[in-house]
N, C-alpha and C. Protein backbone atom coordinates (compact mmCIF):
# COMPACT_ATOMS: atom_id res chain seq x y z
N GLN A 1 28.27 60.21 -10.61
CA GLN A 1 29.56 59.84 -11.41
C GLN A 1 28.85 59.16 -12.39
N VAL A 2 28.02 58.32 -12.31
CA VAL A 2 27.42 57.27 -13.35
C VAL A 2 25.80 57.89 -13.56
N GLN A 3 25.45 58.10 -14.84
CA GLN A 3 24.07 58.61 -15.18
C GLN A 3 23.35 57.32 -16.01
N LEU A 4 22.29 56.99 -15.80
CA LEU A 4 21.70 55.94 -16.28
C LEU A 4 20.44 56.17 -16.74
N VAL A 5 20.01 56.22 -18.33
CA VAL A 5 18.81 56.75 -18.74
C VAL A 5 18.04 55.07 -19.14
N GLU A 6 17.07 54.91 -18.98
CA GLU A 6 16.12 53.90 -19.51
C GLU A 6 15.38 54.62 -20.82
N SER A 7 14.93 53.35 -21.52
CA SER A 7 14.09 54.08 -22.65
C SER A 7 13.42 52.69 -23.26
N GLY A 8 12.45 52.99 -23.78
CA GLY A 8 11.52 51.72 -24.38
C GLY A 8 10.42 51.04 -23.98
N GLY A 9 10.50 51.53 -22.50
CA GLY A 9 8.88 51.18 -22.01
C GLY A 9 7.50 51.51 -22.68
N GLY A 10 6.61 50.93 -22.16
CA GLY A 10 5.37 51.04 -22.67
C GLY A 10 4.37 50.14 -22.59
N LEU A 11 3.27 50.20 -23.29
CA LEU A 11 2.12 49.36 -23.05
C LEU A 11 2.07 48.42 -24.10
N VAL A 12 2.06 46.85 -23.81
CA VAL A 12 2.01 46.00 -24.86
C VAL A 12 0.98 44.85 -24.39
N GLN A 13 0.55 44.06 -25.38
CA GLN A 13 -0.44 42.84 -24.94
C GLN A 13 0.14 41.82 -24.49
N ILE A 14 -0.50 40.87 -24.02
CA ILE A 14 -0.09 39.77 -23.60
C ILE A 14 0.48 39.03 -24.75
N GLY A 15 1.96 38.52 -24.44
CA GLY A 15 2.30 37.79 -26.07
C GLY A 15 3.08 38.57 -26.47
N GLY A 16 3.26 39.96 -26.37
CA GLY A 16 3.85 40.96 -27.11
C GLY A 16 5.39 40.91 -26.64
N SER A 17 6.21 42.06 -27.34
CA SER A 17 7.36 41.65 -27.46
C SER A 17 7.77 43.57 -26.81
N LEU A 18 8.76 43.79 -26.17
CA LEU A 18 9.47 45.11 -25.98
C LEU A 18 10.97 44.98 -25.62
N ARG A 19 11.67 45.96 -26.12
CA ARG A 19 13.04 46.09 -26.09
C ARG A 19 13.50 47.10 -25.15
N LEU A 20 13.89 47.35 -23.93
CA LEU A 20 14.45 48.35 -22.94
C LEU A 20 15.83 48.46 -23.29
N SER A 21 16.55 49.67 -23.20
CA SER A 21 17.52 50.32 -23.53
C SER A 21 18.10 50.87 -22.23
N CYS A 22 19.05 50.57 -21.75
CA CYS A 22 19.84 51.76 -20.80
C CYS A 22 21.24 52.26 -21.31
N ALA A 23 21.41 53.63 -21.31
CA ALA A 23 22.37 54.44 -21.76
C ALA A 23 23.14 54.71 -20.72
N ALA A 24 24.28 54.35 -20.54
CA ALA A 24 25.30 54.84 -19.55
C ALA A 24 26.26 55.84 -19.69
N SER A 25 26.36 56.80 -18.78
CA SER A 25 27.29 57.84 -19.40
C SER A 25 28.08 58.33 -17.98
N GLY A 26 28.92 58.99 -18.07
CA GLY A 26 29.89 59.83 -16.74
C GLY A 26 30.87 58.59 -16.58
N SER A 27 31.23 58.40 -15.22
CA SER A 27 32.41 57.61 -15.06
C SER A 27 31.84 56.22 -15.11
N ILE A 28 32.12 55.54 -16.37
CA ILE A 28 31.62 54.07 -16.32
C ILE A 28 32.67 53.20 -16.31
N PHE A 29 33.75 53.65 -16.31
CA PHE A 29 35.01 52.77 -16.17
C PHE A 29 34.73 52.10 -15.07
N SER A 30 35.29 50.65 -14.87
CA SER A 30 35.06 49.68 -13.96
C SER A 30 33.84 49.43 -13.39
N ILE A 31 32.89 49.50 -14.20
CA ILE A 31 31.72 49.04 -14.00
C ILE A 31 31.43 47.57 -13.99
N ASN A 32 31.52 46.83 -13.34
CA ASN A 32 31.38 45.29 -13.15
C ASN A 32 30.21 44.41 -13.78
N THR A 33 29.37 45.03 -13.18
CA THR A 33 28.01 44.48 -13.50
C THR A 33 26.67 45.36 -13.74
N MET A 34 25.99 45.13 -15.08
CA MET A 34 24.85 45.71 -15.59
C MET A 34 23.83 44.90 -15.30
N GLY A 35 22.66 45.40 -14.75
CA GLY A 35 21.44 44.63 -14.77
C GLY A 35 19.66 45.38 -14.95
N TRP A 36 19.11 44.88 -15.01
CA TRP A 36 17.44 45.36 -14.78
C TRP A 36 16.91 44.60 -13.61
N TYR A 37 16.28 45.65 -13.03
CA TYR A 37 15.40 45.21 -12.04
C TYR A 37 14.15 45.82 -11.92
N ARG A 38 13.10 45.15 -11.27
CA ARG A 38 11.81 45.81 -11.48
C ARG A 38 10.91 45.69 -10.35
N GLN A 39 10.15 46.82 -10.22
CA GLN A 39 9.39 46.85 -9.03
C GLN A 39 7.56 47.04 -9.12
N ALA A 40 6.94 46.35 -9.08
CA ALA A 40 5.44 46.21 -9.00
C ALA A 40 5.15 47.06 -8.01
N PRO A 41 3.80 47.74 -8.10
CA PRO A 41 2.92 48.18 -6.89
C PRO A 41 2.80 47.44 -5.75
N GLY A 42 3.28 47.76 -4.64
CA GLY A 42 3.12 47.02 -3.36
C GLY A 42 3.97 45.79 -3.18
N LYS A 43 5.08 45.54 -3.96
CA LYS A 43 6.04 44.60 -4.11
C LYS A 43 7.48 45.43 -4.14
N GLN A 44 8.51 44.35 -3.77
CA GLN A 44 9.69 44.71 -3.49
C GLN A 44 10.45 44.63 -5.00
N ARG A 45 11.55 45.28 -4.88
CA ARG A 45 11.82 45.53 -5.88
C ARG A 45 12.89 44.30 -6.12
N GLU A 46 12.96 43.65 -7.16
CA GLU A 46 13.36 42.35 -7.81
C GLU A 46 14.30 42.39 -9.09
N LEU A 47 15.33 41.36 -8.85
CA LEU A 47 16.47 40.98 -9.86
C LEU A 47 15.69 40.57 -10.98
N VAL A 48 15.77 41.23 -12.14
CA VAL A 48 15.22 40.58 -13.41
C VAL A 48 16.40 39.79 -14.33
N ALA A 49 17.56 40.63 -14.59
CA ALA A 49 18.64 40.24 -15.31
C ALA A 49 19.97 40.49 -15.07
N THR A 50 21.02 40.06 -15.02
CA THR A 50 22.23 40.92 -14.84
C THR A 50 23.34 40.42 -15.74
N ILE A 51 24.09 41.40 -16.39
CA ILE A 51 25.40 40.84 -17.16
C ILE A 51 26.43 41.32 -16.83
N THR A 52 27.57 40.61 -16.46
CA THR A 52 29.23 41.13 -16.28
C THR A 52 29.59 41.61 -17.25
N ASN A 53 30.97 42.36 -16.80
CA ASN A 53 31.79 42.91 -17.89
C ASN A 53 32.28 41.69 -18.91
N GLY A 54 32.27 40.58 -18.27
CA GLY A 54 32.68 39.32 -19.34
C GLY A 54 31.79 38.58 -19.97
N GLY A 55 30.52 39.18 -19.52
CA GLY A 55 29.35 38.62 -20.56
C GLY A 55 28.62 37.68 -19.91
N SER A 56 28.92 37.38 -18.79
CA SER A 56 28.01 36.18 -17.96
C SER A 56 26.92 36.98 -17.73
N THR A 57 25.88 35.89 -17.70
CA THR A 57 24.57 36.55 -17.45
C THR A 57 23.88 35.66 -16.52
N ASN A 58 22.82 36.23 -15.80
CA ASN A 58 21.82 35.26 -15.12
C ASN A 58 20.58 36.16 -14.97
N TYR A 59 19.52 35.07 -14.98
CA TYR A 59 18.37 35.59 -15.12
C TYR A 59 17.36 35.14 -13.76
N ALA A 60 16.34 35.84 -13.43
CA ALA A 60 15.21 35.37 -12.52
C ALA A 60 14.51 34.14 -13.23
N ASP A 61 14.07 33.32 -12.45
CA ASP A 61 13.50 32.44 -12.76
C ASP A 61 12.05 32.70 -13.68
N SER A 62 11.49 33.45 -13.31
CA SER A 62 10.30 34.11 -13.83
C SER A 62 10.41 34.49 -15.46
N VAL A 63 11.77 34.58 -15.70
CA VAL A 63 11.72 35.32 -17.00
C VAL A 63 12.78 34.56 -18.08
N LYS A 64 13.34 33.46 -17.42
CA LYS A 64 14.15 32.38 -18.10
C LYS A 64 13.42 32.22 -19.22
N GLY A 65 14.24 32.35 -20.74
CA GLY A 65 13.55 31.77 -21.80
C GLY A 65 12.84 32.67 -22.34
N ARG A 66 12.62 33.85 -21.74
CA ARG A 66 11.56 34.87 -22.44
C ARG A 66 12.35 36.27 -22.53
N PHE A 67 13.27 36.48 -21.59
CA PHE A 67 14.00 37.71 -21.68
C PHE A 67 15.47 37.51 -22.14
N THR A 68 16.23 38.56 -22.82
CA THR A 68 17.65 38.22 -22.99
C THR A 68 18.11 39.60 -22.56
N ILE A 69 19.08 39.66 -21.66
CA ILE A 69 19.85 40.80 -21.44
C ILE A 69 21.50 40.73 -22.20
N SER A 70 21.64 41.88 -22.95
CA SER A 70 23.02 42.05 -23.96
C SER A 70 23.56 43.49 -23.41
N ARG A 71 24.79 43.66 -23.63
CA ARG A 71 25.58 44.58 -23.53
C ARG A 71 26.53 44.93 -24.69
N ASN A 72 26.40 46.44 -24.81
CA ASN A 72 27.38 46.76 -26.10
C ASN A 72 28.15 47.84 -25.57
N ASN A 73 29.22 47.43 -25.38
CA ASN A 73 30.58 48.56 -24.82
C ASN A 73 30.62 49.60 -25.62
N ALA A 74 30.58 49.39 -26.88
CA ALA A 74 30.86 50.39 -27.87
C ALA A 74 29.92 51.67 -27.89
N LYS A 75 28.39 51.20 -27.70
CA LYS A 75 27.58 52.22 -27.24
C LYS A 75 27.28 52.35 -26.00
N ASN A 76 27.77 51.76 -24.91
CA ASN A 76 27.91 51.90 -23.61
C ASN A 76 26.24 51.89 -23.14
N THR A 77 25.63 50.76 -23.95
CA THR A 77 24.27 50.61 -23.72
C THR A 77 24.17 48.99 -22.95
N VAL A 78 23.06 48.70 -22.30
CA VAL A 78 22.51 47.43 -21.74
C VAL A 78 21.19 47.34 -22.22
N ASP A 79 20.63 46.48 -22.83
CA ASP A 79 19.42 46.07 -23.66
C ASP A 79 18.76 45.03 -22.70
N LEU A 80 17.52 44.87 -22.61
CA LEU A 80 16.90 43.73 -22.10
C LEU A 80 15.58 43.49 -23.31
N GLN A 81 15.70 42.45 -24.09
CA GLN A 81 14.79 41.96 -24.81
C GLN A 81 13.73 41.24 -24.28
N MET A 82 12.13 41.62 -24.19
CA MET A 82 11.49 40.98 -23.56
C MET A 82 10.42 40.42 -24.18
N ASN A 83 10.20 38.86 -24.56
CA ASN A 83 9.50 38.42 -25.56
C ASN A 83 8.36 37.57 -24.73
N SER A 84 7.46 37.31 -25.38
CA SER A 84 6.25 36.61 -24.57
C SER A 84 5.83 37.39 -23.10
N LEU A 85 5.40 38.21 -23.23
CA LEU A 85 5.41 38.86 -22.03
C LEU A 85 3.77 38.82 -21.32
N LYS A 86 4.14 38.71 -20.40
CA LYS A 86 2.63 38.27 -19.40
C LYS A 86 2.29 39.63 -18.40
N PRO A 87 0.97 39.41 -17.88
CA PRO A 87 0.55 40.65 -16.97
C PRO A 87 1.65 40.63 -15.98
N GLU A 88 2.08 39.50 -15.37
CA GLU A 88 2.88 39.37 -14.31
C GLU A 88 4.13 40.18 -14.51
N ASP A 89 4.68 40.48 -15.95
CA ASP A 89 5.53 41.39 -16.03
C ASP A 89 5.60 43.03 -15.61
N THR A 90 4.05 43.34 -15.65
CA THR A 90 3.91 44.68 -15.46
C THR A 90 4.68 45.29 -14.30
N ALA A 91 5.58 46.31 -14.21
CA ALA A 91 6.37 46.77 -13.17
C ALA A 91 6.87 48.07 -14.00
N VAL A 92 7.77 48.85 -12.95
CA VAL A 92 8.75 49.54 -13.12
C VAL A 92 9.88 49.26 -13.37
N TYR A 93 10.74 49.19 -14.75
CA TYR A 93 11.92 48.56 -15.03
C TYR A 93 12.98 49.78 -14.48
N TYR A 94 14.03 49.03 -13.98
CA TYR A 94 15.08 50.04 -13.41
C TYR A 94 16.39 49.49 -14.02
N CYS A 95 17.16 50.35 -14.46
CA CYS A 95 18.37 50.14 -15.00
C CYS A 95 19.46 49.92 -13.75
N ASN A 96 20.30 49.30 -13.75
CA ASN A 96 21.29 49.26 -12.52
C ASN A 96 22.73 49.12 -13.07
N ALA A 97 23.49 49.66 -12.52
CA ALA A 97 24.97 49.65 -12.54
C ALA A 97 25.88 49.43 -11.10
N ARG A 98 26.68 48.33 -11.25
CA ARG A 98 27.30 48.22 -9.81
C ARG A 98 28.98 48.18 -10.35
N ARG A 99 29.65 48.98 -9.28
CA ARG A 99 30.89 49.28 -9.46
C ARG A 99 31.57 48.59 -8.11
N GLY A 100 32.33 47.55 -8.17
CA GLY A 100 32.85 46.44 -7.41
C GLY A 100 34.12 47.28 -6.80
N ASP A 101 34.45 47.39 -5.49
CA ASP A 101 35.37 48.07 -4.92
C ASP A 101 35.87 46.98 -3.81
N TYR A 102 37.29 46.70 -3.81
CA TYR A 102 37.81 45.70 -2.94
C TYR A 102 37.74 46.20 -1.49
N ARG A 103 38.09 47.62 -1.34
CA ARG A 103 38.37 48.03 -0.19
C ARG A 103 36.87 48.63 0.82
N TYR A 104 36.00 49.18 0.03
CA TYR A 104 34.82 49.54 0.74
C TYR A 104 33.61 48.90 0.04
N GLY A 105 33.71 48.17 -0.71
CA GLY A 105 32.40 47.28 -1.14
C GLY A 105 31.91 48.11 -2.21
N PRO A 106 30.84 47.43 -2.88
CA PRO A 106 29.90 47.85 -4.17
C PRO A 106 29.41 49.33 -4.14
N THR A 107 29.56 49.92 -5.42
CA THR A 107 28.72 51.08 -5.33
C THR A 107 27.38 50.93 -6.52
N ASP A 108 26.33 51.03 -6.35
CA ASP A 108 25.00 50.82 -7.22
C ASP A 108 24.52 52.09 -7.68
N TYR A 109 24.52 52.27 -8.83
CA TYR A 109 23.77 53.39 -9.66
C TYR A 109 22.69 52.82 -10.41
N TRP A 110 21.64 53.81 -10.22
CA TRP A 110 20.20 53.44 -10.84
C TRP A 110 19.56 54.46 -11.70
N GLY A 111 18.80 53.97 -12.75
CA GLY A 111 18.09 54.84 -13.60
C GLY A 111 17.06 55.30 -12.68
N GLN A 112 15.92 56.06 -13.49
CA GLN A 112 14.86 56.67 -12.83
C GLN A 112 13.61 55.66 -13.20
N GLY A 113 13.72 54.87 -13.91
CA GLY A 113 12.92 53.67 -14.37
C GLY A 113 11.78 53.91 -15.45
N THR A 114 11.46 53.01 -16.38
CA THR A 114 10.48 52.85 -17.35
C THR A 114 9.61 52.05 -17.16
N GLN A 115 8.19 52.49 -17.16
CA GLN A 115 6.90 51.66 -16.86
C GLN A 115 6.74 50.59 -18.21
N VAL A 116 6.58 49.57 -17.78
CA VAL A 116 6.15 48.44 -18.54
C VAL A 116 4.92 47.96 -18.05
N THR A 117 3.62 48.03 -19.18
CA THR A 117 2.52 47.55 -18.86
C THR A 117 2.28 46.63 -19.93
N VAL A 118 1.82 45.47 -19.30
CA VAL A 118 1.44 44.08 -19.93
C VAL A 118 -0.05 44.10 -19.92
N SER A 119 -1.10 44.49 -20.70
CA SER A 119 -2.45 44.27 -20.80
C SER A 119 -3.08 42.95 -20.92
N SER A 120 -4.03 42.33 -20.26
CA SER A 120 -4.87 41.23 -20.99
C SER A 120 -5.65 41.38 -22.07
């Protein structure tokens, strides 16, 4: 029902910046929360940042002050501005969209991921 396509990943040096973008299409109505998650080799997927339909945001402690998530409803996109990048930020970044449902629980949609590599 919902398709998510990420873009903007790449190779960047320590201290550099990247801007990830996620374009949503399909049945995007009633999506409550969108966010970014990441997964490094050998590690579990972890939350990076989320933003609700009302604009409330939350961030992982490791990225607070460096990353900013934003949502553009007119363009059906959610972006992640990443500044002051560290090697620890190296991971595959996944776009997530969650649709809440009072009766059956939430439904999650995922993009295919985009690689971010921060070199020392």
